């Protein structure tokens, strides 16, 4: 079972009360950000999201754990990510999470080169 965190409740209430066009505009913007990040990370072992606010990278094909990849990205590429190792399964240690909802598409441009240089 998944339970919404308390900070999401006001956001849900605002979305339910907002004009449909506002919600559609927000979704379209998040899709642009997702698509920009996917294009930037093309060729790397990412898992395209079908919703949500983040995407995962499988670091195992790169010979890294999520923790190792996250540390490299922070120190070498100045990209903050979340290692998924403690997220409930032994298999999660191989994944890294990129959150794209608070980054503009413009700011995401160029991140792929930095990520590629740090991880390959």
PDB file of N, CA and C in Angstrom:
ATOM      1  N   UNK A   1       0.840  -1.164   0.000  1.00  0.00           N
ATOM      2  CA  UNK A   1       0.000   0.000   0.000  1.00  0.00           C
ATOM      3  C   UNK A   1       0.884   1.225   0.000  1.00  0.00           C
ATOM      4  N   UNK A   2       0.499   2.207  -0.755  1.00  0.00           N
ATOM      5  CA  UNK A   2       1.220   3.472  -0.809  1.00  0.00           C
ATOM      6  C   UNK A   2       0.315   4.550  -0.240  1.00  0.00           C
ATOM      7  N   UNK A   3       0.880   5.357   0.620  1.00  0.00           N
ATOM      8  CA  UNK A   3       0.128   6.425   1.270  1.00  0.00           C
ATOM      9  C   UNK A   3       0.755   7.763   0.890  1.00  0.00           C
ATOM     10  N   UNK A   4      -0.033   8.740   0.521  1.00  0.00           N
ATOM     11  CA  UNK A   4       0.498  10.056   0.207  1.00  0.00           C
ATOM     12  C   UNK A   4       1.096  10.696   1.447  1.00  0.00           C
ATOM     13  N   UNK A   5       2.192  11.397   1.242  1.00  0.00           N
ATOM     14  CA  UNK A   5       2.802  12.132   2.340  1.00  0.00           C
ATOM     15  C   UNK A   5       1.967  13.377   2.615  1.00  0.00           C
ATOM     16  N   UNK A   6       2.067  13.870   3.817  1.00  0.00           N
ATOM     17  CA  UNK A   6       1.265  15.012   4.237  1.00  0.00           C
ATOM     18  C   UNK A   6       1.435  16.250   3.383  1.00  0.00           C
ATOM     19  N   UNK A   7       2.649  16.506   2.896  1.00  0.00           N
ATOM     20  CA  UNK A   7       2.868  17.713   2.104  1.00  0.00           C
ATOM     21  C   UNK A   7       2.167  17.647   0.753  1.00  0.00           C
ATOM     22  N   UNK A   8       1.759  16.464   0.314  1.00  0.00           N
ATOM     23  CA  UNK A   8       1.070  16.335  -0.978  1.00  0.00           C
ATOM     24  C   UNK A   8      -0.402  16.723  -0.875  1.00  0.00           C
ATOM     25  N   UNK A   9      -0.970  16.650   0.293  1.00  0.00           N
ATOM     26  CA  UNK A   9      -2.401  16.912   0.457  1.00  0.00           C
ATOM     27  C   UNK A   9      -2.807  18.300  -0.038  1.00  0.00           C
ATOM     28  N   UNK A  10      -2.109  19.386   0.336  1.00  0.00           N
ATOM     29  CA  UNK A  10      -2.493  20.700  -0.198  1.00  0.00           C
ATOM     30  C   UNK A  10      -2.354  20.769  -1.722  1.00  0.00           C
ATOM     31  N   UNK A  11      -1.368  20.101  -2.270  1.00  0.00           N
ATOM     32  CA  UNK A  11      -1.194  20.080  -3.717  1.00  0.00           C
ATOM     33  C   UNK A  11      -2.337  19.395  -4.425  1.00  0.00           C
ATOM     34  N   UNK A  12      -2.794  18.296  -3.857  1.00  0.00           N
ATOM     35  CA  UNK A  12      -3.942  17.587  -4.429  1.00  0.00           C
ATOM     36  C   UNK A  12      -5.181  18.468  -4.354  1.00  0.00           C
ATOM     37  N   UNK A  13      -5.388  19.113  -3.223  1.00  0.00           N
ATOM     38  CA  UNK A  13      -6.546  19.998  -3.081  1.00  0.00           C
ATOM     39  C   UNK A  13      -6.492  21.130  -4.097  1.00  0.00           C
ATOM     40  N   UNK A  14      -5.321  21.717  -4.296  1.00  0.00           N
ATOM     41  CA  UNK A  14      -5.180  22.805  -5.270  1.00  0.00           C
ATOM     42  C   UNK A  14      -5.455  22.302  -6.684  1.00  0.00           C
ATOM     43  N   UNK A  15      -4.963  21.110  -7.012  1.00  0.00           N
ATOM     44  CA  UNK A  15      -5.197  20.553  -8.348  1.00  0.00           C
ATOM     45  C   UNK A  15      -6.672  20.281  -8.582  1.00  0.00           C
ATOM     46  N   UNK A  16      -7.367  19.812  -7.557  1.00  0.00           N
ATOM     47  CA  UNK A  16      -8.798  19.533  -7.712  1.00  0.00           C
ATOM     48  C   UNK A  16      -9.618  20.808  -7.872  1.00  0.00           C
ATOM     49  N   UNK A  17      -9.130  21.909  -7.301  1.00  0.00           N
ATOM     50  CA  UNK A  17      -9.854  23.175  -7.376  1.00  0.00           C
ATOM     51  C   UNK A  17      -9.420  24.043  -8.556  1.00  0.00           C
ATOM     52  N   UNK A  18      -8.291  23.739  -9.169  1.00  0.00           N
ATOM     53  CA  UNK A  18      -7.757  24.558 -10.261  1.00  0.00           C
ATOM     54  C   UNK A  18      -8.513  24.292 -11.556  1.00  0.00           C
ATOM     55  N   UNK A  19      -8.502  25.258 -12.458  1.00  0.00           N
ATOM     56  CA  UNK A  19      -9.082  25.005 -13.778  1.00  0.00           C
ATOM     57  C   UNK A  19      -8.351  23.837 -14.459  1.00  0.00           C
ATOM     58  N   UNK A  20      -9.069  23.067 -15.229  1.00  0.00           N
ATOM     59  CA  UNK A  20      -8.485  21.908 -15.915  1.00  0.00           C
ATOM     60  C   UNK A  20      -7.287  22.329 -16.756  1.00  0.00           C
ATOM     61  N   UNK A  21      -7.348  23.508 -17.350  1.00  0.00           N
ATOM     62  CA  UNK A  21      -6.240  23.963 -18.195  1.00  0.00           C
ATOM     63  C   UNK A  21      -4.948  24.147 -17.386  1.00  0.00           C
ATOM     64  N   UNK A  22      -5.051  24.567 -16.120  1.00  0.00           N
ATOM     65  CA  UNK A  22      -3.856  24.716 -15.284  1.00  0.00           C
ATOM     66  C   UNK A  22      -3.191  23.375 -15.044  1.00  0.00           C
ATOM     67  N   UNK A  23      -3.969  22.362 -14.753  1.00  0.00           N
ATOM     68  CA  UNK A  23      -3.430  21.022 -14.529  1.00  0.00           C
ATOM     69  C   UNK A  23      -2.820  20.494 -15.820  1.00  0.00           C
ATOM     70  N   UNK A  24      -3.512  20.688 -16.936  1.00  0.00           N
ATOM     71  CA  UNK A  24      -2.992  20.231 -18.228  1.00  0.00           C
ATOM     72  C   UNK A  24      -1.676  20.937 -18.564  1.00  0.00           C
ATOM     73  N   UNK A  25      -1.580  22.220 -18.262  1.00  0.00           N
ATOM     74  CA  UNK A  25      -0.345  22.962 -18.510  1.00  0.00           C
ATOM     75  C   UNK A  25       0.799  22.419 -17.650  1.00  0.00           C
ATOM     76  N   UNK A  26       0.510  22.118 -16.400  1.00  0.00           N
ATOM     77  CA  UNK A  26       1.541  21.569 -15.508  1.00  0.00           C
ATOM     78  C   UNK A  26       2.016  20.209 -16.005  1.00  0.00           C
ATOM     79  N   UNK A  27       1.091  19.356 -16.392  1.00  0.00           N
ATOM     80  CA  UNK A  27       1.456  18.031 -16.906  1.00  0.00           C
ATOM     81  C   UNK A  27       2.291  18.170 -18.172  1.00  0.00           C
ATOM     82  N   UNK A  28       1.903  19.080 -19.064  1.00  0.00           N
ATOM     83  CA  UNK A  28       2.660  19.285 -20.301  1.00  0.00           C
ATOM     84  C   UNK A  28       4.090  19.745 -19.999  1.00  0.00           C
ATOM     85  N   UNK A  29       4.250  20.608 -19.003  1.00  0.00           N
ATOM     86  CA  UNK A  29       5.589  21.071 -18.634  1.00  0.00           C
ATOM     87  C   UNK A  29       6.427  19.935 -18.065  1.00  0.00           C
ATOM     88  N   UNK A  30       5.839  19.114 -17.202  1.00  0.00           N
ATOM     89  CA  UNK A  30       6.585  17.969 -16.659  1.00  0.00           C
ATOM     90  C   UNK A  30       6.957  16.985 -17.768  1.00  0.00           C
ATOM     91  N   UNK A  31       6.100  16.805 -18.749  1.00  0.00           N
ATOM     92  CA  UNK A  31       6.424  15.943 -19.886  1.00  0.00           C
ATOM     93  C   UNK A  31       7.589  16.514 -20.683  1.00  0.00           C
ATOM     94  N   UNK A  32       7.621  17.835 -20.882  1.00  0.00           N
ATOM     95  CA  UNK A  32       8.751  18.466 -21.579  1.00  0.00           C
ATOM     96  C   UNK A  32      10.049  18.221 -20.808  1.00  0.00           C
ATOM     97  N   UNK A  33       9.989  18.376 -19.510  1.00  0.00           N
ATOM     98  CA  UNK A  33      11.189  18.158 -18.691  1.00  0.00           C
ATOM     99  C   UNK A  33      11.635  16.701 -18.767  1.00  0.00           C
ATOM    100  N   UNK A  34      10.672  15.776 -18.671  1.00  0.00           N
ATOM    101  CA  UNK A  34      11.005  14.348 -18.801  1.00  0.00           C
ATOM    102  C   UNK A  34      11.646  14.074 -20.147  1.00  0.00           C
ATOM    103  N   UNK A  35      11.047  14.578 -21.208  1.00  0.00           N
ATOM    104  CA  UNK A  35      11.557  14.323 -22.553  1.00  0.00           C
ATOM    105  C   UNK A  35      12.934  14.933 -22.760  1.00  0.00           C
ATOM    106  N   UNK A  36      13.169  16.108 -22.187  1.00  0.00           N
ATOM    107  CA  UNK A  36      14.492  16.728 -22.277  1.00  0.00           C
ATOM    108  C   UNK A  36      15.520  15.857 -21.582  1.00  0.00           C
ATOM    109  N   UNK A  37      15.206  15.394 -20.380  1.00  0.00           N
ATOM    110  CA  UNK A  37      16.151  14.556 -19.644  1.00  0.00           C
ATOM    111  C   UNK A  37      16.383  13.230 -20.356  1.00  0.00           C
ATOM    112  N   UNK A  38      15.336  12.626 -20.897  1.00  0.00           N
ATOM    113  CA  UNK A  38      15.506  11.381 -21.652  1.00  0.00           C
ATOM    114  C   UNK A  38      16.419  11.597 -22.855  1.00  0.00           C
ATOM    115  N   UNK A  39      16.232  12.691 -23.558  1.00  0.00           N
ATOM    116  CA  UNK A  39      17.088  12.983 -24.712  1.00  0.00           C
ATOM    117  C   UNK A  39      18.532  13.196 -24.266  1.00  0.00           C
ATOM    118  N   UNK A  40      18.720  13.887 -23.158  1.00  0.00           N
ATOM    119  CA  UNK A  40      20.067  14.135 -22.642  1.00  0.00           C
ATOM    120  C   UNK A  40      20.764  12.832 -22.239  1.00  0.00           C
ATOM    121  N   UNK A  41      20.015  11.892 -21.698  1.00  0.00           N
ATOM    122  CA  UNK A  41      20.599  10.641 -21.201  1.00  0.00           C
ATOM    123  C   UNK A  41      20.525   9.514 -22.223  1.00  0.00           C
ATOM    124  N   UNK A  42      20.204   9.853 -23.470  1.00  0.00           N
ATOM    125  CA  UNK A  42      20.121   8.858 -24.530  1.00  0.00           C
ATOM    126  C   UNK A  42      21.429   8.072 -24.622  1.00  0.00           C
ATOM    127  N   UNK A  43      21.308   6.763 -24.712  1.00  0.00           N
ATOM    128  CA  UNK A  43      22.479   5.904 -24.780  1.00  0.00           C
ATOM    129  C   UNK A  43      22.918   5.373 -23.431  1.00  0.00           C
ATOM    130  N   UNK A  44      22.390   5.924 -22.358  1.00  0.00           N
ATOM    131  CA  UNK A  44      22.676   5.425 -21.010  1.00  0.00           C
ATOM    132  C   UNK A  44      21.514   4.534 -20.575  1.00  0.00           C
ATOM    133  N   UNK A  45      21.747   3.625 -19.637  1.00  0.00           N
ATOM    134  CA  UNK A  45      20.714   2.651 -19.259  1.00  0.00           C
ATOM    135  C   UNK A  45      19.619   3.227 -18.353  1.00  0.00           C
ATOM    136  N   UNK A  46      18.822   4.136 -18.912  1.00  0.00           N
ATOM    137  CA  UNK A  46      17.724   4.727 -18.151  1.00  0.00           C
ATOM    138  C   UNK A  46      16.425   3.991 -18.449  1.00  0.00           C
ATOM    139  N   UNK A  47      15.515   4.087 -17.515  1.00  0.00           N
ATOM    140  CA  UNK A  47      14.196   3.470 -17.642  1.00  0.00           C
ATOM    141  C   UNK A  47      13.204   4.609 -17.844  1.00  0.00           C
ATOM    142  N   UNK A  48      12.655   4.754 -19.053  1.00  0.00           N
ATOM    143  CA  UNK A  48      11.726   5.863 -19.301  1.00  0.00           C
ATOM    144  C   UNK A  48      10.496   5.757 -18.410  1.00  0.00           C
ATOM    145  N   UNK A  49      10.163   6.832 -17.713  1.00  0.00           N
ATOM    146  CA  UNK A  49       8.970   6.806 -16.864  1.00  0.00           C
ATOM    147  C   UNK A  49       7.705   6.993 -17.694  1.00  0.00           C
ATOM    148  N   UNK A  50       6.636   6.414 -17.239  1.00  0.00           N
ATOM    149  CA  UNK A  50       5.334   6.567 -17.895  1.00  0.00           C
ATOM    150  C   UNK A  50       4.418   7.433 -17.040  1.00  0.00           C
ATOM    151  N   UNK A  51       5.011   8.228 -16.207  1.00  0.00           N
ATOM    152  CA  UNK A  51       4.308   9.100 -15.283  1.00  0.00           C
ATOM    153  C   UNK A  51       5.261   9.418 -14.151  1.00  0.00           C
ATOM    154  N   UNK A  52       4.809  10.164 -13.204  1.00  0.00           N
ATOM    155  CA  UNK A  52       5.648  10.476 -12.054  1.00  0.00           C
ATOM    156  C   UNK A  52       6.556  11.659 -12.304  1.00  0.00           C
ATOM    157  N   UNK A  53       7.505  11.843 -11.441  1.00  0.00           N
ATOM    158  CA  UNK A  53       8.356  13.022 -11.450  1.00  0.00           C
ATOM    159  C   UNK A  53       9.834  12.673 -11.478  1.00  0.00           C
ATOM    160  N   UNK A  54      10.166  11.436 -11.781  1.00  0.00           N
ATOM    161  CA  UNK A  54      11.571  11.032 -11.808  1.00  0.00           C
ATOM    162  C   UNK A  54      11.761   9.899 -12.796  1.00  0.00           C
ATOM    163  N   UNK A  55      13.019   9.612 -13.104  1.00  0.00           N
ATOM    164  CA  UNK A  55      13.340   8.434 -13.892  1.00  0.00           C
ATOM    165  C   UNK A  55      14.493   7.713 -13.214  1.00  0.00           C
ATOM    166  N   UNK A  56      14.608   6.439 -13.494  1.00  0.00           N
ATOM    167  CA  UNK A  56      15.656   5.614 -12.907  1.00  0.00           C
ATOM    168  C   UNK A  56      16.708   5.270 -13.949  1.00  0.00           C
ATOM    169  N   UNK A  57      17.939   5.129 -13.479  1.00  0.00           N
ATOM    170  CA  UNK A  57      19.029   4.620 -14.297  1.00  0.00           C
ATOM    171  C   UNK A  57      19.501   3.317 -13.668  1.00  0.00           C
ATOM    172  N   UNK A  58      19.671   2.303 -14.477  1.00  0.00           N
ATOM    173  CA  UNK A  58      20.228   1.037 -14.025  1.00  0.00           C
ATOM    174  C   UNK A  58      21.741   1.145 -14.151  1.00  0.00           C
ATOM    175  N   UNK A  59      22.436   1.253 -13.041  1.00  0.00           N
ATOM    176  CA  UNK A  59      23.882   1.473 -13.031  1.00  0.00           C
ATOM    177  C   UNK A  59      24.682   0.191 -13.206  1.00  0.00           C
ATOM    178  N   UNK A  60      24.043  -0.954 -13.058  1.00  0.00           N
ATOM    179  CA  UNK A  60      24.763  -2.225 -13.165  1.00  0.00           C
ATOM    180  C   UNK A  60      25.460  -2.399 -14.511  1.00  0.00           C
ATOM    181  N   UNK A  61      24.821  -2.062 -15.645  1.00  0.00           N
ATOM    182  CA  UNK A  61      25.542  -2.194 -16.918  1.00  0.00           C
ATOM    183  C   UNK A  61      26.786  -1.299 -17.014  1.00  0.00           C
ATOM    184  N   UNK A  62      26.870  -0.294 -16.172  1.00  0.00           N
ATOM    185  CA  UNK A  62      28.032   0.594 -16.142  1.00  0.00           C
ATOM    186  C   UNK A  62      29.093   0.107 -15.160  1.00  0.00           C
ATOM    187  N   UNK A  63      28.810  -1.022 -14.483  1.00  0.00           N
ATOM    188  CA  UNK A  63      29.735  -1.568 -13.500  1.00  0.00           C
ATOM    189  C   UNK A  63      29.722  -0.816 -12.184  1.00  0.00           C
ATOM    190  N   UNK A  64      28.623  -0.152 -11.883  1.00  0.00           N
ATOM    191  CA  UNK A  64      28.521   0.667 -10.677  1.00  0.00           C
ATOM    192  C   UNK A  64      27.267   0.323  -9.891  1.00  0.00           C
ATOM    193  N   UNK A  65      27.283   0.655  -8.612  1.00  0.00           N
ATOM    194  CA  UNK A  65      26.055   0.644  -7.826  1.00  0.00           C
ATOM    195  C   UNK A  65      25.460   2.046  -7.899  1.00  0.00           C
ATOM    196  N   UNK A  66      24.236   2.186  -7.456  1.00  0.00           N
ATOM    197  CA  UNK A  66      23.622   3.502  -7.403  1.00  0.00           C
ATOM    198  C   UNK A  66      24.385   4.451  -6.503  1.00  0.00           C
ATOM    199  N   UNK A  67      24.905   3.944  -5.390  1.00  0.00           N
ATOM    200  CA  UNK A  67      25.674   4.780  -4.456  1.00  0.00           C
ATOM    201  C   UNK A  67      26.948   5.288  -5.127  1.00  0.00           C
ATOM    202  N   UNK A  68      27.653   4.401  -5.824  1.00  0.00           N
ATOM    203  CA  UNK A  68      28.882   4.810  -6.507  1.00  0.00           C
ATOM    204  C   UNK A  68      28.591   5.840  -7.603  1.00  0.00           C
ATOM    205  N   UNK A  69      27.546   5.576  -8.382  1.00  0.00           N
ATOM    206  CA  UNK A  69      27.191   6.492  -9.463  1.00  0.00           C
ATOM    207  C   UNK A  69      26.769   7.853  -8.907  1.00  0.00           C
ATOM    208  N   UNK A  70      25.978   7.853  -7.843  1.00  0.00           N
ATOM    209  CA  UNK A  70      25.532   9.098  -7.237  1.00  0.00           C
ATOM    210  C   UNK A  70      26.717   9.926  -6.742  1.00  0.00           C
ATOM    211  N   UNK A  71      27.674   9.276  -6.104  1.00  0.00           N
ATOM    212  CA  UNK A  71      28.859   9.980  -5.601  1.00  0.00           C
ATOM    213  C   UNK A  71      29.664  10.578  -6.751  1.00  0.00           C
ATOM    214  N   UNK A  72      29.846   9.817  -7.810  1.00  0.00           N
ATOM    215  CA  UNK A  72      30.574  10.335  -8.976  1.00  0.00           C
ATOM    216  C   UNK A  72      29.863  11.533  -9.593  1.00  0.00           C
ATOM    217  N   UNK A  73      28.556  11.399  -9.735  1.00  0.00           N
ATOM    218  CA  UNK A  73      27.804  12.492 -10.358  1.00  0.00           C
ATOM    219  C   UNK A  73      27.880  13.765  -9.533  1.00  0.00           C
ATOM    220  N   UNK A  74      27.813  13.633  -8.231  1.00  0.00           N
ATOM    221  CA  UNK A  74      27.873  14.821  -7.379  1.00  0.00           C
ATOM    222  C   UNK A  74      29.258  15.460  -7.426  1.00  0.00           C
ATOM    223  N   UNK A  75      30.298  14.662  -7.309  1.00  0.00           N
ATOM    224  CA  UNK A  75      31.650  15.220  -7.230  1.00  0.00           C
ATOM    225  C   UNK A  75      32.226  15.604  -8.587  1.00  0.00           C
ATOM    226  N   UNK A  76      31.936  14.828  -9.616  1.00  0.00           N
ATOM    227  CA  UNK A  76      32.554  15.077 -10.917  1.00  0.00           C
ATOM    228  C   UNK A  76      31.675  15.883 -11.873  1.00  0.00           C
ATOM    229  N   UNK A  77      30.363  15.737 -11.762  1.00  0.00           N
ATOM    230  CA  UNK A  77      29.467  16.378 -12.721  1.00  0.00           C
ATOM    231  C   UNK A  77      28.585  17.451 -12.092  1.00  0.00           C
ATOM    232  N   UNK A  78      28.625  17.544 -10.773  1.00  0.00           N
ATOM    233  CA  UNK A  78      27.775  18.498 -10.036  1.00  0.00           C
ATOM    234  C   UNK A  78      26.294  18.271 -10.332  1.00  0.00           C
ATOM    235  N   UNK A  79      25.923  16.981 -10.355  1.00  0.00           N
ATOM    236  CA  UNK A  79      24.539  16.568 -10.573  1.00  0.00           C
ATOM    237  C   UNK A  79      24.099  15.791  -9.343  1.00  0.00           C
ATOM    238  N   UNK A  80      23.045  16.245  -8.689  1.00  0.00           N
ATOM    239  CA  UNK A  80      22.534  15.583  -7.486  1.00  0.00           C
ATOM    240  C   UNK A  80      21.487  14.549  -7.896  1.00  0.00           C
ATOM    241  N   UNK A  81      21.671  13.321  -7.433  1.00  0.00           N
ATOM    242  CA  UNK A  81      20.751  12.217  -7.695  1.00  0.00           C
ATOM    243  C   UNK A  81      20.540  11.458  -6.395  1.00  0.00           C
ATOM    244  N   UNK A  82      19.643  10.492  -6.423  1.00  0.00           N
ATOM    245  CA  UNK A  82      19.365   9.684  -5.238  1.00  0.00           C
ATOM    246  C   UNK A  82      19.680   8.234  -5.531  1.00  0.00           C
ATOM    247  N   UNK A  83      20.589   7.663  -4.762  1.00  0.00           N
ATOM    248  CA  UNK A  83      20.846   6.226  -4.852  1.00  0.00           C
ATOM    249  C   UNK A  83      19.653   5.494  -4.248  1.00  0.00           C
ATOM    250  N   UNK A  84      19.244   4.408  -4.867  1.00  0.00           N
ATOM    251  CA  UNK A  84      18.021   3.719  -4.450  1.00  0.00           C
ATOM    252  C   UNK A  84      18.286   2.496  -3.564  1.00  0.00           C
ATOM    253  N   UNK A  85      19.508   2.311  -3.104  1.00  0.00           N
ATOM    254  CA  UNK A  85      19.899   1.118  -2.373  1.00  0.00           C
ATOM    255  C   UNK A  85      19.086   0.779  -1.141  1.00  0.00           C
ATOM    256  N   UNK A  86      18.569   1.742  -0.460  1.00  0.00           N
ATOM    257  CA  UNK A  86      17.827   1.488   0.775  1.00  0.00           C
ATOM    258  C   UNK A  86      16.317   1.589   0.578  1.00  0.00           C
ATOM    259  N   UNK A  87      15.853   1.365  -0.627  1.00  0.00           N
ATOM    260  CA  UNK A  87      14.446   1.567  -0.937  1.00  0.00           C
ATOM    261  C   UNK A  87      13.650   0.271  -0.946  1.00  0.00           C
ATOM    262  N   UNK A  88      14.095  -0.743  -0.209  1.00  0.00           N
ATOM    263  CA  UNK A  88      13.220  -1.869   0.059  1.00  0.00           C
ATOM    264  C   UNK A  88      13.504  -3.191  -0.601  1.00  0.00           C
ATOM    265  N   UNK A  89      14.483  -3.289  -1.448  1.00  0.00           N
ATOM    266  CA  UNK A  89      14.752  -4.558  -2.116  1.00  0.00           C
ATOM    267  C   UNK A  89      16.246  -4.665  -2.390  1.00  0.00           C
ATOM    268  N   UNK A  90      16.789  -5.866  -2.354  1.00  0.00           N
ATOM    269  CA  UNK A  90      18.210  -6.030  -2.681  1.00  0.00           C
ATOM    270  C   UNK A  90      18.530  -5.550  -4.100  1.00  0.00           C
ATOM    271  N   UNK A  91      17.572  -5.609  -5.004  1.00  0.00           N
ATOM    272  CA  UNK A  91      17.814  -5.188  -6.378  1.00  0.00           C
ATOM    273  C   UNK A  91      17.879  -3.680  -6.544  1.00  0.00           C
ATOM    274  N   UNK A  92      17.393  -2.928  -5.573  1.00  0.00           N
ATOM    275  CA  UNK A  92      17.363  -1.475  -5.732  1.00  0.00           C
ATOM    276  C   UNK A  92      18.749  -0.847  -5.663  1.00  0.00           C
ATOM    277  N   UNK A  93      19.736  -1.563  -5.144  1.00  0.00           N
ATOM    278  CA  UNK A  93      21.077  -0.987  -5.033  1.00  0.00           C
ATOM    279  C   UNK A  93      21.690  -0.645  -6.391  1.00  0.00           C
ATOM    280  N   UNK A  94      21.145  -1.188  -7.445  1.00  0.00           N
ATOM    281  CA  UNK A  94      21.692  -0.939  -8.785  1.00  0.00           C
ATOM    282  C   UNK A  94      21.109   0.318  -9.441  1.00  0.00           C
ATOM    283  N   UNK A  95      20.131   0.935  -8.803  1.00  0.00           N
ATOM    284  CA  UNK A  95      19.421   2.049  -9.431  1.00  0.00           C
ATOM    285  C   UNK A  95      19.758   3.408  -8.825  1.00  0.00           C
ATOM    286  N   UNK A  96      19.602   4.395  -9.680  1.00  0.00           N
ATOM    287  CA  UNK A  96      19.829   5.788  -9.342  1.00  0.00           C
ATOM    288  C   UNK A  96      18.605   6.565  -9.812  1.00  0.00           C
ATOM    289  N   UNK A  97      18.161   7.524  -9.024  1.00  0.00           N
ATOM    290  CA  UNK A  97      16.948   8.279  -9.358  1.00  0.00           C
ATOM    291  C   UNK A  97      17.304   9.720  -9.716  1.00  0.00           C
ATOM    292  N   UNK A  98      16.791  10.167 -10.866  1.00  0.00           N
ATOM    293  CA  UNK A  98      16.897  11.549 -11.322  1.00  0.00           C
ATOM    294  C   UNK A  98      15.519  12.184 -11.182  1.00  0.00           C
ATOM    295  N   UNK A  99      15.396  13.212 -10.374  1.00  0.00           N
ATOM    296  CA  UNK A  99      14.133  13.932 -10.206  1.00  0.00           C
ATOM    297  C   UNK A  99      14.178  15.149 -11.133  1.00  0.00           C
ATOM    298  N   UNK A 100      13.151  15.298 -11.973  1.00  0.00           N
ATOM    299  CA  UNK A 100      13.178  16.374 -12.956  1.00  0.00           C
ATOM    300  C   UNK A 100      12.079  17.421 -12.786  1.00  0.00           C
ATOM    301  N   UNK A 101      11.230  17.296 -11.795  1.00  0.00           N
ATOM    302  CA  UNK A 101      10.089  18.204 -11.695  1.00  0.00           C
ATOM    303  C   UNK A 101      10.451  19.632 -11.325  1.00  0.00           C
ATOM    304  N   UNK A 102      11.522  19.853 -10.622  1.00  0.00           N
ATOM    305  CA  UNK A 102      11.873  21.211 -10.209  1.00  0.00           C
ATOM    306  C   UNK A 102      12.947  21.841 -11.075  1.00  0.00           C
ATOM    307  N   UNK A 103      13.322  21.188 -12.149  1.00  0.00           N
ATOM    308  CA  UNK A 103      14.339  21.710 -13.060  1.00  0.00           C
ATOM    309  C   UNK A 103      13.692  22.112 -14.367  1.00  0.00           C
ATOM    310  N   UNK A 104      14.002  23.284 -14.860  1.00  0.00           N
ATOM    311  CA  UNK A 104      13.459  23.694 -16.152  1.00  0.00           C
ATOM    312  C   UNK A 104      14.141  22.900 -17.259  1.00  0.00           C
ATOM    313  N   UNK A 105      13.481  22.820 -18.404  1.00  0.00           N
ATOM    314  CA  UNK A 105      14.081  22.137 -19.551  1.00  0.00           C
ATOM    315  C   UNK A 105      15.403  22.794 -19.929  1.00  0.00           C
ATOM    316  N   UNK A 106      15.466  24.116 -19.844  1.00  0.00           N
ATOM    317  CA  UNK A 106      16.715  24.819 -20.167  1.00  0.00           C
ATOM    318  C   UNK A 106      17.851  24.390 -19.248  1.00  0.00           C
ATOM    319  N   UNK A 107      17.550  24.258 -17.979  1.00  0.00           N
ATOM    320  CA  UNK A 107      18.584  23.867 -17.010  1.00  0.00           C
ATOM    321  C   UNK A 107      19.020  22.413 -17.207  1.00  0.00           C
ATOM    322  N   UNK A 108      18.119  21.572 -17.712  1.00  0.00           N
ATOM    323  CA  UNK A 108      18.447  20.165 -17.951  1.00  0.00           C
ATOM    324  C   UNK A 108      19.323  19.975 -19.195  1.00  0.00           C
ATOM    325  N   UNK A 109      19.309  20.936 -20.088  1.00  0.00           N
ATOM    326  CA  UNK A 109      20.118  20.817 -21.305  1.00  0.00           C
ATOM    327  C   UNK A 109      21.596  20.836 -20.947  1.00  0.00           C
ATOM    328  N   UNK A 110      22.334  19.880 -21.495  1.00  0.00           N
ATOM    329  CA  UNK A 110      23.760  19.761 -21.223  1.00  0.00           C
ATOM    330  C   UNK A 110      24.103  18.784 -20.115  1.00  0.00           C
ATOM    331  N   UNK A 111      23.104  18.355 -19.354  1.00  0.00           N
ATOM    332  CA  UNK A 111      23.376  17.438 -18.246  1.00  0.00           C
ATOM    333  C   UNK A 111      23.844  16.064 -18.755  1.00  0.00           C
ATOM    334  N   UNK A 112      23.393  15.679 -19.930  1.00  0.00           N
ATOM    335  CA  UNK A 112      23.767  14.373 -20.465  1.00  0.00           C
ATOM    336  C   UNK A 112      25.266  14.231 -20.680  1.00  0.00           C
ATOM    337  N   UNK A 113      25.892  15.256 -21.190  1.00  0.00           N
ATOM    338  CA  UNK A 113      27.336  15.206 -21.399  1.00  0.00           C
ATOM    339  C   UNK A 113      28.065  15.071 -20.070  1.00  0.00           C
ATOM    340  N   UNK A 114      27.652  15.831 -19.085  1.00  0.00           N
ATOM    341  CA  UNK A 114      28.288  15.760 -17.762  1.00  0.00           C
ATOM    342  C   UNK A 114      28.105  14.392 -17.140  1.00  0.00           C
ATOM    343  N   UNK A 115      26.881  13.837 -17.244  1.00  0.00           N
ATOM    344  CA  UNK A 115      26.599  12.506 -16.691  1.00  0.00           C
ATOM    345  C   UNK A 115      27.426  11.460 -17.419  1.00  0.00           C
ATOM    346  N   UNK A 116      27.440  11.505 -18.736  1.00  0.00           N
ATOM    347  CA  UNK A 116      28.198  10.535 -19.509  1.00  0.00           C
ATOM    348  C   UNK A 116      29.675  10.549 -19.184  1.00  0.00           C
ATOM    349  N   UNK A 117      30.240  11.741 -19.062  1.00  0.00           N
ATOM    350  CA  UNK A 117      31.678  11.857 -18.734  1.00  0.00           C
ATOM    351  C   UNK A 117      31.980  11.303 -17.349  1.00  0.00           C
ATOM    352  N   UNK A 118      31.076  11.488 -16.402  1.00  0.00           N
ATOM    353  CA  UNK A 118      31.316  11.017 -15.028  1.00  0.00           C
ATOM    354  C   UNK A 118      31.121   9.511 -14.883  1.00  0.00           C
ATOM    355  N   UNK A 119      30.243   8.932 -15.682  1.00  0.00           N
ATOM    356  CA  UNK A 119      29.888   7.527 -15.475  1.00  0.00           C
ATOM    357  C   UNK A 119      30.475   6.550 -16.486  1.00  0.00           C
ATOM    358  N   UNK A 120      31.011   7.048 -17.577  1.00  0.00           N
ATOM    359  CA  UNK A 120      31.544   6.105 -18.583  1.00  0.00           C
ATOM    360  C   UNK A 120      33.025   6.341 -18.815  1.00  0.00           C
TER     361      UNK A 120
END
